[in-house]
Amino acid sequence: MGLDRFKMTPCGFCFVEYYTREEAEHAIRCVDKTILDDRMIRCDWDAGFKEGRQYGRGRHGGQVRDEYRNDFDSGRGGWNKMISDKS
């Protein structure tokens, strides 16, 4: 599970490993864009594990894509609001 690099709290992503590429492809087809707790799940391929990548990579410790959001989304930790307040 991805962690905020400063607070060490979950920041909305995780990595899942499968034994075969076929199993991973099947999981992506079945899970991508499904809804869980009123939120859409996005599944992407990852280049592989590297130490340090389990932490958020944005300037503020979370996901980079959240730093470009225009809306406040408390379900994602309210990242854009927090960044706006710091500017």
PDB file of N, CA and C in Angstrom:
ATOM      1  N   MET A   1       0.852  -1.172   0.000  1.00  0.00           N
ATOM      2  CA  MET A   1       0.000   0.000   0.000  1.00  0.00           C
ATOM      3  C   MET A   1       0.897   1.234   0.000  1.00  0.00           C
ATOM      4  N   GLY A   2       0.526   2.216  -0.784  1.00  0.00           N
ATOM      5  CA  GLY A   2       1.291   3.458  -0.816  1.00  0.00           C
ATOM      6  C   GLY A   2       1.078   4.266   0.450  1.00  0.00           C
ATOM      7  N   LEU A   3       2.141   4.857   0.939  1.00  0.00           N
ATOM      8  CA  LEU A   3       2.073   5.659   2.156  1.00  0.00           C
ATOM      9  C   LEU A   3       2.519   7.086   1.887  1.00  0.00           C
ATOM     10  N   ASP A   4       1.872   8.030   2.570  1.00  0.00           N
ATOM     11  CA  ASP A   4       2.327   9.412   2.554  1.00  0.00           C
ATOM     12  C   ASP A   4       3.743   9.398   3.122  1.00  0.00           C
ATOM     13  N   ARG A   5       4.695   9.938   2.400  1.00  0.00           N
ATOM     14  CA  ARG A   5       6.088   9.807   2.838  1.00  0.00           C
ATOM     15  C   ARG A   5       6.395  10.586   4.103  1.00  0.00           C
ATOM     16  N   PHE A   6       5.563  11.552   4.477  1.00  0.00           N
ATOM     17  CA  PHE A   6       5.814  12.324   5.688  1.00  0.00           C
ATOM     18  C   PHE A   6       5.016  11.804   6.883  1.00  0.00           C
ATOM     19  N   LYS A   7       3.742  11.476   6.660  1.00  0.00           N
ATOM     20  CA  LYS A   7       2.868  11.056   7.759  1.00  0.00           C
ATOM     21  C   LYS A   7       2.797   9.540   7.922  1.00  0.00           C
ATOM     22  N   MET A   8       3.263   8.792   6.914  1.00  0.00           N
ATOM     23  CA  MET A   8       3.204   7.326   6.905  1.00  0.00           C
ATOM     24  C   MET A   8       1.770   6.810   7.030  1.00  0.00           C
ATOM     25  N   THR A   9       0.825   7.536   6.428  1.00  0.00           N
ATOM     26  CA  THR A   9      -0.569   7.107   6.383  1.00  0.00           C
ATOM     27  C   THR A   9      -0.908   6.718   4.945  1.00  0.00           C
ATOM     28  N   PRO A  10      -1.900   5.849   4.726  1.00  0.00           N
ATOM     29  CA  PRO A  10      -2.266   5.453   3.360  1.00  0.00           C
ATOM     30  C   PRO A  10      -2.648   6.666   2.519  1.00  0.00           C
ATOM     31  N   CYS A  11      -2.204   6.679   1.256  1.00  0.00           N
ATOM     32  CA  CYS A  11      -2.518   7.837   0.405  1.00  0.00           C
ATOM     33  C   CYS A  11      -3.222   7.433  -0.887  1.00  0.00           C
ATOM     34  N   GLY A  12      -3.934   6.319  -0.873  1.00  0.00           N
ATOM     35  CA  GLY A  12      -4.851   6.045  -1.969  1.00  0.00           C
ATOM     36  C   GLY A  12      -4.374   5.153  -3.086  1.00  0.00           C
ATOM     37  N   PHE A  13      -3.277   4.443  -2.912  1.00  0.00           N
ATOM     38  CA  PHE A  13      -2.886   3.496  -3.951  1.00  0.00           C
ATOM     39  C   PHE A  13      -2.203   2.292  -3.320  1.00  0.00           C
ATOM     40  N   CYS A  14      -2.141   1.226  -4.087  1.00  0.00           N
ATOM     41  CA  CYS A  14      -1.436   0.034  -3.622  1.00  0.00           C
ATOM     42  C   CYS A  14      -0.855  -0.697  -4.821  1.00  0.00           C
ATOM     43  N   PHE A  15       0.010  -1.620  -4.543  1.00  0.00           N
ATOM     44  CA  PHE A  15       0.592  -2.468  -5.569  1.00  0.00           C
ATOM     45  C   PHE A  15       0.127  -3.890  -5.309  1.00  0.00           C
ATOM     46  N   VAL A  16      -0.258  -4.598  -6.366  1.00  0.00           N
ATOM     47  CA  VAL A  16      -0.686  -5.986  -6.256  1.00  0.00           C
ATOM     48  C   VAL A  16       0.174  -6.799  -7.207  1.00  0.00           C
ATOM     49  N   GLU A  17       0.696  -7.923  -6.725  1.00  0.00           N
ATOM     50  CA  GLU A  17       1.533  -8.785  -7.554  1.00  0.00           C
ATOM     51  C   GLU A  17       0.783 -10.064  -7.890  1.00  0.00           C
ATOM     52  N   TYR A  18       0.969 -10.540  -9.114  1.00  0.00           N
ATOM     53  CA  TYR A  18       0.370 -11.787  -9.576  1.00  0.00           C
ATOM     54  C   TYR A  18       1.474 -12.713 -10.047  1.00  0.00           C
ATOM     55  N   TYR A  19       1.185 -14.015 -10.048  1.00  0.00           N
ATOM     56  CA  TYR A  19       2.182 -14.993 -10.477  1.00  0.00           C
ATOM     57  C   TYR A  19       2.424 -14.945 -11.979  1.00  0.00           C
ATOM     58  N   THR A  20       1.378 -14.652 -12.740  1.00  0.00           N
ATOM     59  CA  THR A  20       1.544 -14.624 -14.196  1.00  0.00           C
ATOM     60  C   THR A  20       0.974 -13.325 -14.758  1.00  0.00           C
ATOM     61  N   ARG A  21       1.471 -12.947 -15.917  1.00  0.00           N
ATOM     62  CA  ARG A  21       0.957 -11.754 -16.592  1.00  0.00           C
ATOM     63  C   ARG A  21      -0.513 -11.958 -16.957  1.00  0.00           C
ATOM     64  N   GLU A  22      -0.861 -13.184 -17.344  1.00  0.00           N
ATOM     65  CA  GLU A  22      -2.249 -13.481 -17.710  1.00  0.00           C
ATOM     66  C   GLU A  22      -3.197 -13.197 -16.543  1.00  0.00           C
ATOM     67  N   GLU A  23      -2.806 -13.603 -15.334  1.00  0.00           N
ATOM     68  CA  GLU A  23      -3.637 -13.327 -14.157  1.00  0.00           C
ATOM     69  C   GLU A  23      -3.760 -11.823 -13.909  1.00  0.00           C
ATOM     70  N   ALA A  24      -2.667 -11.104 -14.090  1.00  0.00           N
ATOM     71  CA  ALA A  24      -2.691  -9.651 -13.887  1.00  0.00           C
ATOM     72  C   ALA A  24      -3.587  -8.973 -14.918  1.00  0.00           C
ATOM     73  N   GLU A  25      -3.485  -9.395 -16.179  1.00  0.00           N
ATOM     74  CA  GLU A  25      -4.338  -8.825 -17.228  1.00  0.00           C
ATOM     75  C   GLU A  25      -5.808  -9.078 -16.928  1.00  0.00           C
ATOM     76  N   HIS A  26      -6.116 -10.293 -16.467  1.00  0.00           N
ATOM     77  CA  HIS A  26      -7.501 -10.632 -16.122  1.00  0.00           C
ATOM     78  C   HIS A  26      -8.001  -9.741 -14.971  1.00  0.00           C
ATOM     79  N   ALA A  27      -7.172  -9.553 -13.958  1.00  0.00           N
ATOM     80  CA  ALA A  27      -7.560  -8.715 -12.818  1.00  0.00           C
ATOM     81  C   ALA A  27      -7.819  -7.279 -13.259  1.00  0.00           C
ATOM     82  N   ILE A  28      -6.966  -6.750 -14.119  1.00  0.00           N
ATOM     83  CA  ILE A  28      -7.161  -5.377 -14.592  1.00  0.00           C
ATOM     84  C   ILE A  28      -8.463  -5.270 -15.371  1.00  0.00           C
ATOM     85  N   ARG A  29      -8.728  -6.240 -16.250  1.00  0.00           N
ATOM     86  CA  ARG A  29      -9.983  -6.206 -17.024  1.00  0.00           C
ATOM     87  C   ARG A  29     -11.202  -6.252 -16.106  1.00  0.00           C
ATOM     88  N   CYS A  30     -11.121  -7.028 -15.041  1.00  0.00           N
ATOM     89  CA  CYS A  30     -12.281  -7.209 -14.158  1.00  0.00           C
ATOM     90  C   CYS A  30     -12.448  -6.089 -13.127  1.00  0.00           C
ATOM     91  N   VAL A  31     -11.367  -5.444 -12.737  1.00  0.00           N
ATOM     92  CA  VAL A  31     -11.430  -4.485 -11.635  1.00  0.00           C
ATOM     93  C   VAL A  31     -11.382  -3.029 -12.092  1.00  0.00           C
ATOM     94  N   ASP A  32     -10.656  -2.727 -13.163  1.00  0.00           N
ATOM     95  CA  ASP A  32     -10.495  -1.337 -13.600  1.00  0.00           C
ATOM     96  C   ASP A  32     -11.852  -0.686 -13.850  1.00  0.00           C
ATOM     97  N   LYS A  33     -12.018   0.496 -13.320  1.00  0.00           N
ATOM     98  CA  LYS A  33     -13.228   1.315 -13.470  1.00  0.00           C
ATOM     99  C   LYS A  33     -14.452   0.740 -12.756  1.00  0.00           C
ATOM    100  N   THR A  34     -14.238  -0.183 -11.813  1.00  0.00           N
ATOM    101  CA  THR A  34     -15.351  -0.637 -10.983  1.00  0.00           C
ATOM    102  C   THR A  34     -15.494   0.334  -9.813  1.00  0.00           C
ATOM    103  N   ILE A  35     -16.604   0.232  -9.102  1.00  0.00           N
ATOM    104  CA  ILE A  35     -16.892   1.155  -8.006  1.00  0.00           C
ATOM    105  C   ILE A  35     -16.782   0.417  -6.677  1.00  0.00           C
ATOM    106  N   LEU A  36     -16.093   1.030  -5.730  1.00  0.00           N
ATOM    107  CA  LEU A  36     -15.966   0.504  -4.376  1.00  0.00           C
ATOM    108  C   LEU A  36     -16.192   1.670  -3.420  1.00  0.00           C
ATOM    109  N   ASP A  37     -17.155   1.537  -2.531  1.00  0.00           N
ATOM    110  CA  ASP A  37     -17.487   2.619  -1.587  1.00  0.00           C
ATOM    111  C   ASP A  37     -17.695   3.948  -2.309  1.00  0.00           C
ATOM    112  N   ASP A  38     -18.460   3.912  -3.403  1.00  0.00           N
ATOM    113  CA  ASP A  38     -18.798   5.101  -4.198  1.00  0.00           C
ATOM    114  C   ASP A  38     -17.589   5.763  -4.862  1.00  0.00           C
ATOM    115  N   ARG A  39     -16.490   5.030  -5.013  1.00  0.00           N
ATOM    116  CA  ARG A  39     -15.289   5.574  -5.649  1.00  0.00           C
ATOM    117  C   ARG A  39     -14.847   4.639  -6.767  1.00  0.00           C
ATOM    118  N   MET A  40     -14.393   5.231  -7.882  1.00  0.00           N
ATOM    119  CA  MET A  40     -13.930   4.416  -8.996  1.00  0.00           C
ATOM    120  C   MET A  40     -12.508   3.919  -8.735  1.00  0.00           C
ATOM    121  N   ILE A  41     -12.300   2.635  -8.999  1.00  0.00           N
ATOM    122  CA  ILE A  41     -10.974   2.040  -8.881  1.00  0.00           C
ATOM    123  C   ILE A  41     -10.273   2.153 -10.225  1.00  0.00           C
ATOM    124  N   ARG A  42      -9.048   2.655 -10.215  1.00  0.00           N
ATOM    125  CA  ARG A  42      -8.222   2.740 -11.423  1.00  0.00           C
ATOM    126  C   ARG A  42      -7.099   1.738 -11.304  1.00  0.00           C
ATOM    127  N   CYS A  43      -6.905   0.935 -12.330  1.00  0.00           N
ATOM    128  CA  CYS A  43      -5.813  -0.037 -12.344  1.00  0.00           C
ATOM    129  C   CYS A  43      -4.842   0.325 -13.450  1.00  0.00           C
ATOM    130  N   ASP A  44      -3.586   0.429 -13.115  1.00  0.00           N
ATOM    131  CA  ASP A  44      -2.534   0.758 -14.072  1.00  0.00           C
ATOM    132  C   ASP A  44      -1.409  -0.260 -13.940  1.00  0.00           C
ATOM    133  N   TRP A  45      -0.662  -0.440 -15.017  1.00  0.00           N
ATOM    134  CA  TRP A  45       0.544  -1.262 -14.963  1.00  0.00           C
ATOM    135  C   TRP A  45       1.638  -0.467 -14.276  1.00  0.00           C
ATOM    136  N   ASP A  46       2.476  -1.143 -13.544  1.00  0.00           N
ATOM    137  CA  ASP A  46       3.610  -0.497 -12.907  1.00  0.00           C
ATOM    138  C   ASP A  46       4.895  -1.121 -13.440  1.00  0.00           C
ATOM    139  N   ALA A  47       5.939  -0.320 -13.521  1.00  0.00           N
ATOM    140  CA  ALA A  47       7.219  -0.801 -14.056  1.00  0.00           C
ATOM    141  C   ALA A  47       7.910  -1.784 -13.116  1.00  0.00           C
ATOM    142  N   GLY A  48       7.471  -1.857 -11.888  1.00  0.00           N
ATOM    143  CA  GLY A  48       8.080  -2.774 -10.930  1.00  0.00           C
ATOM    144  C   GLY A  48       8.481  -2.054  -9.659  1.00  0.00           C
ATOM    145  N   PHE A  49       8.742  -2.831  -8.632  1.00  0.00           N
ATOM    146  CA  PHE A  49       9.062  -2.266  -7.320  1.00  0.00           C
ATOM    147  C   PHE A  49      10.478  -1.710  -7.292  1.00  0.00           C
ATOM    148  N   LYS A  50      10.599  -0.534  -6.721  1.00  0.00           N
ATOM    149  CA  LYS A  50      11.897   0.062  -6.408  1.00  0.00           C
ATOM    150  C   LYS A  50      11.754   0.654  -5.020  1.00  0.00           C
ATOM    151  N   GLU A  51      12.734   0.436  -4.179  1.00  0.00           N
ATOM    152  CA  GLU A  51      12.681   0.957  -2.815  1.00  0.00           C
ATOM    153  C   GLU A  51      12.406   2.461  -2.847  1.00  0.00           C
ATOM    154  N   GLY A  52      11.483   2.913  -2.005  1.00  0.00           N
ATOM    155  CA  GLY A  52      11.119   4.322  -1.946  1.00  0.00           C
ATOM    156  C   GLY A  52       9.865   4.648  -2.730  1.00  0.00           C
ATOM    157  N   ARG A  53       9.505   3.820  -3.722  1.00  0.00           N
ATOM    158  CA  ARG A  53       8.321   4.108  -4.531  1.00  0.00           C
ATOM    159  C   ARG A  53       7.035   3.755  -3.806  1.00  0.00           C
ATOM    160  N   GLN A  54       7.124   3.095  -2.655  1.00  0.00           N
ATOM    161  CA  GLN A  54       5.905   2.789  -1.915  1.00  0.00           C
ATOM    162  C   GLN A  54       5.381   4.032  -1.206  1.00  0.00           C
ATOM    163  N   TYR A  55       6.142   5.114  -1.252  1.00  0.00           N
ATOM    164  CA  TYR A  55       5.717   6.368  -0.646  1.00  0.00           C
ATOM    165  C   TYR A  55       5.186   7.299  -1.724  1.00  0.00           C
ATOM    166  N   GLY A  56       4.312   8.203  -1.337  1.00  0.00           N
ATOM    167  CA  GLY A  56       3.779   9.170  -2.288  1.00  0.00           C
ATOM    168  C   GLY A  56       4.906   9.957  -2.946  1.00  0.00           C
ATOM    169  N   ARG A  57       4.730  10.296  -4.208  1.00  0.00           N
ATOM    170  CA  ARG A  57       5.806  10.956  -4.938  1.00  0.00           C
ATOM    171  C   ARG A  57       5.548  12.426  -5.204  1.00  0.00           C
ATOM    172  N   GLY A  58       4.409  12.920  -4.794  1.00  0.00           N
ATOM    173  CA  GLY A  58       4.138  14.337  -5.021  1.00  0.00           C
ATOM    174  C   GLY A  58       4.996  15.213  -4.113  1.00  0.00           C
ATOM    175  N   ARG A  59       5.013  16.501  -4.372  1.00  0.00           N
ATOM    176  CA  ARG A  59       5.820  17.419  -3.554  1.00  0.00           C
ATOM    177  C   ARG A  59       5.377  17.407  -2.100  1.00  0.00           C
ATOM    178  N   HIS A  60       4.105  17.083  -1.852  1.00  0.00           N
ATOM    179  CA  HIS A  60       3.577  17.126  -0.499  1.00  0.00           C
ATOM    180  C   HIS A  60       3.390  15.745   0.107  1.00  0.00           C
ATOM    181  N   GLY A  61       3.947  14.707  -0.517  1.00  0.00           N
ATOM    182  CA  GLY A  61       3.936  13.374   0.067  1.00  0.00           C
ATOM    183  C   GLY A  61       2.892  12.431  -0.471  1.00  0.00           C
ATOM    184  N   GLY A  62       1.888  12.925  -1.188  1.00  0.00           N
ATOM    185  CA  GLY A  62       0.824  12.066  -1.702  1.00  0.00           C
ATOM    186  C   GLY A  62       1.029  11.738  -3.165  1.00  0.00           C
ATOM    187  N   GLN A  63      -0.058  11.489  -3.861  1.00  0.00           N
ATOM    188  CA  GLN A  63       0.016  11.166  -5.274  1.00  0.00           C
ATOM    189  C   GLN A  63       0.170  12.442  -6.097  1.00  0.00           C
ATOM    190  N   VAL A  64       1.018  12.370  -7.101  1.00  0.00           N
ATOM    191  CA  VAL A  64       1.260  13.524  -7.964  1.00  0.00           C
ATOM    192  C   VAL A  64      -0.037  13.994  -8.606  1.00  0.00           C
ATOM    193  N   ARG A  65      -0.866  13.061  -9.092  1.00  0.00           N
ATOM    194  CA  ARG A  65      -2.079  13.462  -9.807  1.00  0.00           C
ATOM    195  C   ARG A  65      -3.047  14.245  -8.920  1.00  0.00           C
ATOM    196  N   ASP A  66      -3.002  14.025  -7.606  1.00  0.00           N
ATOM    197  CA  ASP A  66      -3.884  14.772  -6.712  1.00  0.00           C
ATOM    198  C   ASP A  66      -3.472  16.234  -6.593  1.00  0.00           C
ATOM    199  N   GLU A  67      -2.214  16.536  -6.854  1.00  0.00           N
ATOM    200  CA  GLU A  67      -1.764  17.921  -6.756  1.00  0.00           C
ATOM    201  C   GLU A  67      -2.319  18.781  -7.882  1.00  0.00           C
ATOM    202  N   TYR A  68      -2.845  18.151  -8.930  1.00  0.00           N
ATOM    203  CA  TYR A  68      -3.387  18.888 -10.071  1.00  0.00           C
ATOM    204  C   TYR A  68      -4.911  18.913 -10.091  1.00  0.00           C
ATOM    205  N   ARG A  69      -5.543  18.369  -9.057  1.00  0.00           N
ATOM    206  CA  ARG A  69      -7.006  18.371  -8.994  1.00  0.00           C
ATOM    207  C   ARG A  69      -7.510  19.783  -8.725  1.00  0.00           C
ATOM    208  N   ASN A  70      -8.664  20.110  -9.282  1.00  0.00           N
ATOM    209  CA  ASN A  70      -9.262  21.430  -9.082  1.00  0.00           C
ATOM    210  C   ASN A  70     -10.345  21.437  -8.017  1.00  0.00           C
ATOM    211  N   ASP A  71     -10.663  20.269  -7.477  1.00  0.00           N
ATOM    212  CA  ASP A  71     -11.757  20.194  -6.523  1.00  0.00           C
ATOM    213  C   ASP A  71     -11.261  19.638  -5.195  1.00  0.00           C
ATOM    214  N   PHE A  72     -12.013  19.902  -4.154  1.00  0.00           N
ATOM    215  CA  PHE A  72     -11.718  19.344  -2.839  1.00  0.00           C
ATOM    216  C   PHE A  72     -12.398  17.994  -2.748  1.00  0.00           C
ATOM    217  N   ASP A  73     -11.651  16.976  -2.440  1.00  0.00           N
ATOM    218  CA  ASP A  73     -12.205  15.633  -2.341  1.00  0.00           C
ATOM    219  C   ASP A  73     -11.722  15.018  -1.035  1.00  0.00           C
ATOM    220  N   SER A  74     -12.544  15.109  -0.005  1.00  0.00           N
ATOM    221  CA  SER A  74     -12.136  14.605   1.302  1.00  0.00           C
ATOM    222  C   SER A  74     -11.878  13.111   1.273  1.00  0.00           C
ATOM    223  N   GLY A  75     -12.521  12.392   0.346  1.00  0.00           N
ATOM    224  CA  GLY A  75     -12.290  10.960   0.221  1.00  0.00           C
ATOM    225  C   GLY A  75     -10.882  10.625  -0.236  1.00  0.00           C
ATOM    226  N   ARG A  76     -10.208  11.586  -0.862  1.00  0.00           N
ATOM    227  CA  ARG A  76      -8.820  11.385  -1.282  1.00  0.00           C
ATOM    228  C   ARG A  76      -7.871  12.132  -0.353  1.00  0.00           C
ATOM    229  N   GLY A  77      -8.359  12.544   0.790  1.00  0.00           N
ATOM    230  CA  GLY A  77      -7.520  13.252   1.738  1.00  0.00           C
ATOM    231  C   GLY A  77      -7.550  14.759   1.568  1.00  0.00           C
ATOM    232  N   GLY A  78      -8.311  15.256   0.574  1.00  0.00           N
ATOM    233  CA  GLY A  78      -8.422  16.688   0.366  1.00  0.00           C
ATOM    234  C   GLY A  78      -7.124  17.342  -0.076  1.00  0.00           C
ATOM    235  N   TRP A  79      -6.323  16.616  -0.844  1.00  0.00           N
ATOM    236  CA  TRP A  79      -4.994  17.108  -1.217  1.00  0.00           C
ATOM    237  C   TRP A  79      -5.013  18.489  -1.854  1.00  0.00           C
ATOM    238  N   ASN A  80      -5.840  18.721  -2.834  1.00  0.00           N
ATOM    239  CA  ASN A  80      -5.783  20.004  -3.528  1.00  0.00           C
ATOM    240  C   ASN A  80      -6.098  21.148  -2.581  1.00  0.00           C
ATOM    241  N   LYS A  81      -7.046  20.966  -1.694  1.00  0.00           N
ATOM    242  CA  LYS A  81      -7.394  21.995  -0.713  1.00  0.00           C
ATOM    243  C   LYS A  81      -6.196  22.282   0.183  1.00  0.00           C
ATOM    244  N   MET A  82      -5.526  21.226   0.647  1.00  0.00           N
ATOM    245  CA  MET A  82      -4.377  21.398   1.520  1.00  0.00           C
ATOM    246  C   MET A  82      -3.268  22.171   0.805  1.00  0.00           C
ATOM    247  N   ILE A  83      -3.010  21.848  -0.435  1.00  0.00           N
ATOM    248  CA  ILE A  83      -1.961  22.513  -1.199  1.00  0.00           C
ATOM    249  C   ILE A  83      -2.318  23.975  -1.426  1.00  0.00           C
ATOM    250  N   SER A  84      -3.591  24.246  -1.750  1.00  0.00           N
ATOM    251  CA  SER A  84      -4.034  25.626  -1.958  1.00  0.00           C
ATOM    252  C   SER A  84      -3.836  26.456  -0.693  1.00  0.00           C
ATOM    253  N   ASP A  85      -4.123  25.845   0.454  1.00  0.00           N
ATOM    254  CA  ASP A  85      -3.980  26.558   1.724  1.00  0.00           C
ATOM    255  C   ASP A  85      -2.527  26.901   2.027  1.00  0.00           C
ATOM    256  N   LYS A  86      -1.588  26.073   1.545  1.00  0.00           N
ATOM    257  CA  LYS A  86      -0.167  26.301   1.818  1.00  0.00           C
ATOM    258  C   LYS A  86       0.439  27.330   0.882  1.00  0.00           C
ATOM    259  N   SER A  87      -0.214  27.576  -0.255  1.00  0.00           N
ATOM    260  CA  SER A  87       0.360  28.500  -1.248  1.00  0.00           C
ATOM    261  C   SER A  87       0.204  29.936  -0.834  1.00  0.00           C
TER     262      SER A  87
END
